[in-house]
Amino acid sequence: MMLKAVTLYFFAALYPITHIGAQNKPAATIPSLVSFSILNAGAEVKGTMEISNVDIHFNPKDPAQSTISASADPATIDTGISIRDEHLKRSDYFNVEKHPEIRLQCTGFRKVARRFIGYFDLTIKGITKPVIIYFTCTSNNNNLLLRGTFDLNRLDYNLGEKSIILDEQVKVRITFLTQ
């Protein structure tokens, strides 16, 4: 049975990140987190996907010189339901054989009041669209905690079809912690 009502939540954790820090210094292995959620039949659906690469240079005192580049492996999607996971890997969703990587590439940062706005190109299934990610940055004991949020429309990336059951909007939350 084809599962048309699917999830787009992915959470990727504990990937070694290099080149993170307030002065663009290399950092030790640190946790990172990307979480997605989507409504399916009115209920929030969640899952996981591993980050395969991350490179961050972030300086809150000079955000214009900051960059973030990250990629995730859609073949690692885990929603807790294996039949749904296998369906999500097929051509009507992530098409992991043809598109083994999801890319997020920063094109610029700026500071507005107490938060940062990051401009990114997000590539899923070979389709690249601009996204704006709103970040907060807090520091504690020489560590920086960056938290970002944005929404995307799954249909913009040919992830499934229009559905009365599965929402089109996906909520995305990203967390990076420097050490």
Protein backbone atom coordinates (compact mmCIF):
# COMPACT_ATOMS: atom_id res chain seq x y z
CA MET A 1 0.00 0.00 0.00
CA MET A 2 1.35 3.40 -0.95
CA LEU A 3 1.55 5.68 2.02
CA LYS A 4 0.74 9.16 0.79
CA ALA A 5 0.39 10.58 4.28
CA VAL A 6 3.96 10.71 5.47
CA THR A 7 6.29 12.64 7.68
CA LEU A 8 9.03 15.06 6.99
CA TYR A 9 10.48 15.40 10.45
CA PHE A 10 14.09 14.82 10.74
CA PHE A 11 16.34 15.10 13.66
CA ALA A 12 20.03 14.73 13.26
CA ALA A 13 22.28 14.64 16.23
CA LEU A 14 25.84 14.38 17.40
CA TYR A 15 27.78 14.99 14.23
CA PRO A 16 31.32 16.27 14.46
CA ILE A 17 31.34 19.91 13.41
CA THR A 18 34.55 21.66 12.48
CA HIS A 19 35.28 25.35 12.20
CA ILE A 20 32.79 26.71 14.73
CA GLY A 21 33.39 29.49 17.16
CA ALA A 22 32.98 33.12 18.02
CA GLN A 23 36.29 33.95 16.35
CA ASN A 24 35.97 31.28 13.66
CA LYS A 25 38.27 28.93 15.56
CA PRO A 26 38.03 25.18 14.97
CA ALA A 27 35.90 23.51 17.63
CA ALA A 28 35.74 20.08 19.18
CA THR A 29 33.09 17.54 18.32
CA ILE A 30 29.76 19.01 19.33
CA PRO A 31 26.09 18.09 19.13
CA SER A 32 23.90 19.50 16.39
CA LEU A 33 20.21 19.02 15.95
CA VAL A 34 17.82 19.52 13.05
CA SER A 35 14.20 18.68 13.77
CA PHE A 36 11.25 18.75 11.40
CA SER A 37 7.58 18.25 12.12
CA ILE A 38 4.49 18.01 9.95
CA LEU A 39 0.79 17.51 10.61
CA ASN A 40 -0.63 14.24 9.32
CA ALA A 41 -4.37 13.79 9.83
CA GLY A 42 -4.17 16.56 12.44
CA ALA A 43 -1.43 14.88 14.49
CA GLU A 44 2.20 15.98 14.62
CA VAL A 45 4.49 13.40 13.01
CA LYS A 46 8.21 13.18 13.77
CA GLY A 47 11.26 11.23 12.58
CA THR A 48 15.05 11.38 12.29
CA MET A 49 17.66 11.82 9.59
CA GLU A 50 21.43 11.85 10.04
CA ILE A 51 23.59 14.85 9.23
CA SER A 52 26.42 13.72 6.97
CA ASN A 53 28.50 16.92 6.96
CA VAL A 54 28.53 20.33 8.70
CA ASP A 55 30.93 23.26 8.39
CA ILE A 56 30.25 26.41 10.42
CA HIS A 57 32.09 29.68 10.89
CA PHE A 58 29.99 31.91 13.15
CA ASN A 59 30.96 35.15 14.81
CA PRO A 60 28.09 36.98 16.54
CA LYS A 61 30.15 40.19 16.50
CA ASP A 62 30.52 40.01 12.72
CA PRO A 63 27.57 38.02 11.33
CA ALA A 64 28.17 39.26 7.78
CA GLN A 65 31.36 37.15 7.74
CA SER A 66 29.64 34.05 9.18
CA THR A 67 28.76 30.94 7.15
CA ILE A 68 27.03 27.60 7.64
CA SER A 69 27.08 24.66 5.25
CA ALA A 70 25.38 21.36 6.09
CA SER A 71 24.12 18.21 4.43
CA ALA A 72 21.88 15.37 5.53
CA ASP A 73 21.47 11.82 4.25
CA PRO A 74 17.80 11.13 3.40
CA ALA A 75 18.52 7.37 3.26
CA THR A 76 18.85 7.48 7.07
CA ILE A 77 15.28 8.69 7.65
CA ASP A 78 13.69 7.04 10.67
CA THR A 79 10.10 7.81 11.64
CA GLY A 80 9.69 4.81 13.90
CA ILE A 81 7.60 3.02 11.26
CA SER A 82 9.82 1.07 8.85
CA ILE A 83 7.22 0.73 6.07
CA ARG A 84 6.79 4.52 6.05
CA ASP A 85 10.57 5.02 6.11
CA GLU A 86 10.99 2.82 3.04
CA HIS A 87 8.21 4.70 1.25
CA LEU A 88 9.87 8.05 2.02
CA LYS A 89 13.07 6.81 0.36
CA ARG A 90 11.26 6.11 -2.94
CA SER A 91 11.05 8.42 -5.96
CA ASP A 92 7.76 10.11 -4.99
CA TYR A 93 9.38 11.48 -1.83
CA PHE A 94 13.17 11.75 -1.26
CA ASN A 95 14.30 9.49 -4.15
CA VAL A 96 17.46 8.57 -2.24
CA GLU A 97 19.05 6.57 -5.06
CA LYS A 98 19.06 9.58 -7.38
CA HIS A 99 19.38 12.28 -4.67
CA PRO A 100 21.52 10.95 -1.77
CA GLU A 101 22.02 14.35 -0.13
CA ILE A 102 20.03 17.31 1.18
CA ARG A 103 22.14 20.51 1.18
CA LEU A 104 21.85 23.74 3.16
CA GLN A 105 24.26 26.51 2.11
CA CYS A 106 24.45 29.95 3.73
CA THR A 107 24.41 32.95 1.40
CA GLY A 108 24.54 35.60 4.15
CA PHE A 109 23.83 36.59 7.75
CA ARG A 110 22.76 39.77 9.47
CA LYS A 111 21.82 40.79 12.98
CA VAL A 112 18.43 42.31 13.78
CA ALA A 113 17.86 43.32 17.40
CA ARG A 114 18.68 40.28 19.56
CA ARG A 115 18.61 37.66 16.83
CA PHE A 116 20.26 36.78 13.55
CA ILE A 117 18.77 36.21 10.13
CA GLY A 118 20.48 33.66 7.91
CA TYR A 119 19.86 33.47 4.18
CA PHE A 120 20.31 29.98 2.76
CA ASP A 121 19.89 27.87 -0.34
CA LEU A 122 18.17 24.58 0.51
CA THR A 123 18.51 21.77 -2.04
CA ILE A 124 16.25 18.72 -1.88
CA LYS A 125 15.88 16.30 -4.82
CA GLY A 126 17.97 18.62 -6.99
CA ILE A 127 15.59 21.54 -6.40
CA THR A 128 17.20 24.59 -4.80
CA LYS A 129 15.07 27.26 -3.13
CA PRO A 130 16.03 30.16 -0.88
CA VAL A 131 15.04 29.93 2.79
CA ILE A 132 15.38 32.42 5.61
CA ILE A 133 16.34 31.01 9.00
CA TYR A 134 15.84 33.10 12.14
CA PHE A 135 18.53 32.34 14.75
CA THR A 136 19.05 33.24 18.36
CA CYS A 137 22.55 33.08 19.81
CA THR A 138 23.42 32.72 23.47
CA SER A 139 26.84 32.27 25.02
CA ASN A 140 27.91 30.45 28.15
CA ASN A 141 31.45 29.51 29.22
CA ASN A 142 33.00 30.18 25.79
CA ASN A 143 30.27 28.14 24.06
CA LEU A 144 27.72 29.48 21.60
CA LEU A 145 24.24 28.03 21.25
CA LEU A 146 22.58 28.81 17.91
CA ARG A 147 18.90 27.97 17.48
CA GLY A 148 17.15 28.53 14.18
CA THR A 149 13.66 28.06 12.79
CA PHE A 150 11.98 28.15 9.40
CA ASP A 151 9.07 26.65 7.49
CA LEU A 152 9.09 25.06 4.08
CA ASN A 153 6.45 23.80 1.68
CA ARG A 154 7.16 20.13 0.92
CA LEU A 155 5.49 20.45 -2.50
CA ASP A 156 8.12 23.03 -3.54
CA TYR A 157 10.62 20.14 -3.43
CA ASN A 158 8.35 17.47 -5.00
CA LEU A 159 8.05 15.61 -1.70
CA GLY A 160 4.83 13.70 -2.20
CA GLU A 161 1.66 15.05 -3.73
CA LYS A 162 -1.06 17.44 -2.61
CA SER A 163 -3.10 15.73 0.10
CA ILE A 164 -6.08 16.52 2.29
CA ILE A 165 -4.47 14.42 5.04
CA LEU A 166 -0.82 15.49 4.96
CA ASP A 167 -0.05 19.17 5.53
CA GLU A 168 2.12 20.98 2.99
CA GLN A 169 3.98 23.08 5.59
CA VAL A 170 6.94 21.59 7.43
CA LYS A 171 8.32 23.24 10.57
CA VAL A 172 12.10 23.09 10.89
CA ARG A 173 14.23 23.73 13.98
CA ILE A 174 18.04 23.74 13.92
CA THR A 175 20.39 23.80 16.92
CA PHE A 176 24.18 24.12 16.89
CA LEU A 177 26.34 24.23 20.03
CA THR A 178 29.99 25.31 19.81
CA GLN A 179 32.63 24.15 22.29
